[in-house]
N, C-alpha and C. Protein backbone atom coordinates (compact mmCIF):
# COMPACT_ATOMS: atom_id res chain seq x y z
N MET A 1 135.75 143.48 79.08
CA MET A 1 134.67 144.43 79.25
C MET A 1 134.94 145.71 78.47
N PHE A 2 136.16 146.21 78.56
CA PHE A 2 136.48 147.47 77.87
C PHE A 2 136.45 147.31 76.36
N ASP A 3 136.87 146.13 75.87
CA ASP A 3 136.82 145.88 74.43
C ASP A 3 135.38 145.91 73.93
N ALA A 4 134.48 145.29 74.67
CA ALA A 4 133.07 145.27 74.29
C ALA A 4 132.50 146.68 74.30
N LEU A 5 132.88 147.46 75.28
CA LEU A 5 132.41 148.83 75.37
C LEU A 5 132.93 149.65 74.19
N LYS A 6 134.18 149.43 73.82
CA LYS A 6 134.77 150.15 72.69
C LYS A 6 134.04 149.81 71.39
N VAL A 7 133.74 148.54 71.18
CA VAL A 7 133.02 148.11 69.98
C VAL A 7 131.63 148.73 69.96
N HIS A 8 130.96 148.70 71.08
CA HIS A 8 129.61 149.28 71.16
C HIS A 8 129.67 150.78 70.88
N GLU A 9 130.68 151.44 71.40
CA GLU A 9 130.84 152.88 71.19
C GLU A 9 131.08 153.17 69.70
N GLU A 10 131.88 152.34 69.04
CA GLU A 10 132.13 152.52 67.61
C GLU A 10 130.85 152.34 66.80
N LYS A 11 130.05 151.35 67.16
CA LYS A 11 128.78 151.13 66.46
C LYS A 11 127.83 152.30 66.68
N LEU A 12 127.83 152.81 67.87
CA LEU A 12 126.97 153.97 68.18
C LEU A 12 127.43 155.19 67.37
N ASP A 13 128.73 155.38 67.27
CA ASP A 13 129.26 156.48 66.45
C ASP A 13 128.85 156.32 64.99
N GLN A 14 128.90 155.09 64.49
CA GLN A 14 128.48 154.84 63.11
C GLN A 14 127.00 155.16 62.93
N ALA A 15 126.19 154.79 63.89
CA ALA A 15 124.75 155.08 63.81
C ALA A 15 124.50 156.59 63.83
N LEU A 16 125.24 157.30 64.66
CA LEU A 16 125.09 158.75 64.71
C LEU A 16 125.51 159.40 63.40
N GLN A 17 126.59 158.93 62.82
CA GLN A 17 127.03 159.45 61.52
C GLN A 17 125.99 159.18 60.44
N TYR A 18 125.39 158.01 60.51
CA TYR A 18 124.34 157.67 59.55
C TYR A 18 123.15 158.60 59.72
N ASP A 19 122.78 158.86 60.96
CA ASP A 19 121.67 159.78 61.23
C ASP A 19 121.97 161.18 60.68
N LEU A 20 123.22 161.61 60.79
CA LEU A 20 123.60 162.90 60.23
C LEU A 20 123.45 162.90 58.71
N SER A 21 123.77 161.79 58.07
CA SER A 21 123.60 161.71 56.62
C SER A 21 122.12 161.74 56.24
N LEU A 22 121.26 161.17 57.08
CA LEU A 22 119.82 161.26 56.84
C LEU A 22 119.34 162.71 56.92
N ILE A 23 119.83 163.42 57.90
CA ILE A 23 119.46 164.83 58.06
C ILE A 23 119.92 165.64 56.86
N GLU A 24 121.15 165.39 56.41
CA GLU A 24 121.67 166.11 55.25
C GLU A 24 120.82 165.83 54.01
N LYS A 25 120.43 164.57 53.81
CA LYS A 25 119.59 164.21 52.66
C LYS A 25 118.24 164.91 52.76
N ALA A 26 117.64 164.92 53.94
CA ALA A 26 116.35 165.58 54.13
C ALA A 26 116.45 167.08 53.87
N GLU A 27 117.54 167.69 54.32
CA GLU A 27 117.73 169.12 54.08
C GLU A 27 117.91 169.41 52.59
N SER A 28 118.58 168.52 51.89
CA SER A 28 118.75 168.67 50.45
C SER A 28 117.40 168.59 49.74
N ILE A 29 116.56 167.69 50.19
CA ILE A 29 115.22 167.56 49.62
C ILE A 29 114.42 168.83 49.88
N ARG A 30 114.51 169.35 51.08
CA ARG A 30 113.78 170.58 51.42
C ARG A 30 114.22 171.73 50.52
N THR A 31 115.52 171.85 50.31
CA THR A 31 116.05 172.91 49.44
C THR A 31 115.52 172.75 48.02
N ASP A 32 115.50 171.51 47.54
CA ASP A 32 114.98 171.27 46.19
C ASP A 32 113.51 171.64 46.09
N VAL A 33 112.73 171.29 47.10
CA VAL A 33 111.30 171.62 47.09
C VAL A 33 111.12 173.13 47.06
N GLU A 34 111.92 173.84 47.84
CA GLU A 34 111.81 175.30 47.86
C GLU A 34 112.09 175.90 46.48
N LYS A 35 113.01 175.30 45.74
CA LYS A 35 113.30 175.77 44.38
C LYS A 35 112.17 175.40 43.42
N ILE A 36 111.65 174.19 43.56
CA ILE A 36 110.62 173.69 42.64
C ILE A 36 109.35 174.51 42.73
N VAL A 37 108.97 174.91 43.92
CA VAL A 37 107.70 175.65 44.06
C VAL A 37 107.76 177.01 43.37
N ARG A 38 108.95 177.49 43.04
CA ARG A 38 109.08 178.77 42.34
C ARG A 38 109.17 178.59 40.82
N MET A 39 109.17 177.35 40.36
CA MET A 39 109.28 177.08 38.92
C MET A 39 107.91 177.05 38.26
N ASP A 40 107.93 177.22 36.94
CA ASP A 40 106.71 177.07 36.16
C ASP A 40 106.38 175.59 36.06
N VAL A 41 105.21 175.21 36.55
CA VAL A 41 104.79 173.81 36.55
C VAL A 41 104.65 173.31 35.12
N GLY A 42 105.22 172.15 34.88
CA GLY A 42 105.08 171.50 33.58
C GLY A 42 106.21 171.78 32.61
N GLY A 43 107.03 172.77 32.89
CA GLY A 43 108.15 173.09 32.01
C GLY A 43 109.26 172.05 32.10
N GLY A 44 110.20 172.14 31.17
CA GLY A 44 111.30 171.17 31.13
C GLY A 44 112.15 171.20 32.38
N GLU A 45 112.47 172.39 32.86
CA GLU A 45 113.27 172.52 34.08
C GLU A 45 112.52 171.92 35.27
N TRP A 46 111.22 172.19 35.33
CA TRP A 46 110.40 171.66 36.42
C TRP A 46 110.39 170.14 36.39
N ARG A 47 110.22 169.56 35.19
CA ARG A 47 110.19 168.10 35.07
C ARG A 47 111.51 167.47 35.51
N GLN A 48 112.61 168.07 35.10
CA GLN A 48 113.93 167.56 35.52
C GLN A 48 114.08 167.66 37.03
N ALA A 49 113.66 168.78 37.59
CA ALA A 49 113.76 168.96 39.04
C ALA A 49 112.89 167.95 39.78
N MET A 50 111.71 167.67 39.25
CA MET A 50 110.82 166.70 39.88
C MET A 50 111.40 165.29 39.81
N ASP A 51 112.01 164.94 38.68
CA ASP A 51 112.66 163.63 38.55
C ASP A 51 113.79 163.49 39.56
N SER A 52 114.58 164.55 39.70
CA SER A 52 115.67 164.54 40.66
C SER A 52 115.14 164.43 42.09
N LEU A 53 114.08 165.17 42.37
CA LEU A 53 113.47 165.12 43.70
C LEU A 53 112.95 163.72 44.01
N LYS A 54 112.30 163.12 43.04
CA LYS A 54 111.79 161.75 43.23
C LYS A 54 112.92 160.79 43.57
N SER A 55 114.02 160.90 42.86
CA SER A 55 115.18 160.04 43.13
C SER A 55 115.72 160.25 44.54
N LYS A 56 115.80 161.51 44.95
CA LYS A 56 116.30 161.81 46.30
C LYS A 56 115.37 161.27 47.38
N VAL A 57 114.07 161.38 47.15
CA VAL A 57 113.11 160.87 48.14
C VAL A 57 113.20 159.35 48.22
N GLU A 58 113.35 158.69 47.08
CA GLU A 58 113.51 157.24 47.07
C GLU A 58 114.78 156.83 47.81
N GLU A 59 115.85 157.59 47.61
CA GLU A 59 117.11 157.31 48.30
C GLU A 59 116.96 157.50 49.81
N LEU A 60 116.27 158.55 50.22
CA LEU A 60 116.03 158.77 51.65
C LEU A 60 115.21 157.63 52.23
N ASP A 61 114.22 157.18 51.51
CA ASP A 61 113.39 156.06 51.96
C ASP A 61 114.24 154.80 52.15
N ARG A 62 115.14 154.54 51.20
CA ARG A 62 116.03 153.38 51.31
C ARG A 62 116.96 153.53 52.52
N MET A 63 117.46 154.74 52.72
CA MET A 63 118.36 154.99 53.85
C MET A 63 117.64 154.78 55.18
N ILE A 64 116.38 155.18 55.25
CA ILE A 64 115.61 154.99 56.48
C ILE A 64 115.42 153.50 56.75
N ASP A 65 115.14 152.73 55.69
CA ASP A 65 115.02 151.28 55.86
C ASP A 65 116.33 150.68 56.37
N GLU A 66 117.46 151.13 55.82
CA GLU A 66 118.76 150.61 56.24
C GLU A 66 119.08 150.99 57.68
N ARG A 67 118.54 152.10 58.13
CA ARG A 67 118.79 152.56 59.50
C ARG A 67 118.30 151.52 60.51
N SER A 68 117.19 150.89 60.21
CA SER A 68 116.67 149.85 61.11
C SER A 68 117.69 148.74 61.30
N GLU A 69 118.35 148.36 60.21
CA GLU A 69 119.37 147.32 60.30
C GLU A 69 120.57 147.78 61.14
N ILE A 70 120.93 149.02 60.97
CA ILE A 70 122.05 149.57 61.74
C ILE A 70 121.73 149.56 63.23
N LEU A 71 120.52 149.98 63.56
CA LEU A 71 120.13 150.01 64.98
C LEU A 71 120.05 148.61 65.57
N ARG A 72 119.62 147.63 64.78
CA ARG A 72 119.60 146.25 65.28
C ARG A 72 121.02 145.78 65.58
N GLY A 73 121.99 146.28 64.83
CA GLY A 73 123.39 145.90 65.03
C GLY A 73 123.97 146.44 66.33
N LEU A 74 123.31 147.43 66.92
CA LEU A 74 123.81 147.98 68.19
C LEU A 74 123.63 146.99 69.33
N ASN A 75 122.70 146.07 69.19
CA ASN A 75 122.46 145.09 70.26
C ASN A 75 123.57 144.06 70.35
N GLY A 76 124.22 143.77 69.25
CA GLY A 76 125.21 142.69 69.25
C GLY A 76 126.61 143.14 69.40
């Protein structure tokens, strides 16, 4: 019984750490957006920032999808 509880606790800790990484990614995106809105639209710096932002949003989307798999693993 205690071994099963320990394994479940470890999986829960992993899920919580993953959630923290999601929050960090979202905060990074927010910071980037705050910088982008102060840039001249259409300029080279703006385009680079938008490309970077797009990549970060795609990564966050992938991480959210993976989170579902992590949560399913808590049942077993």
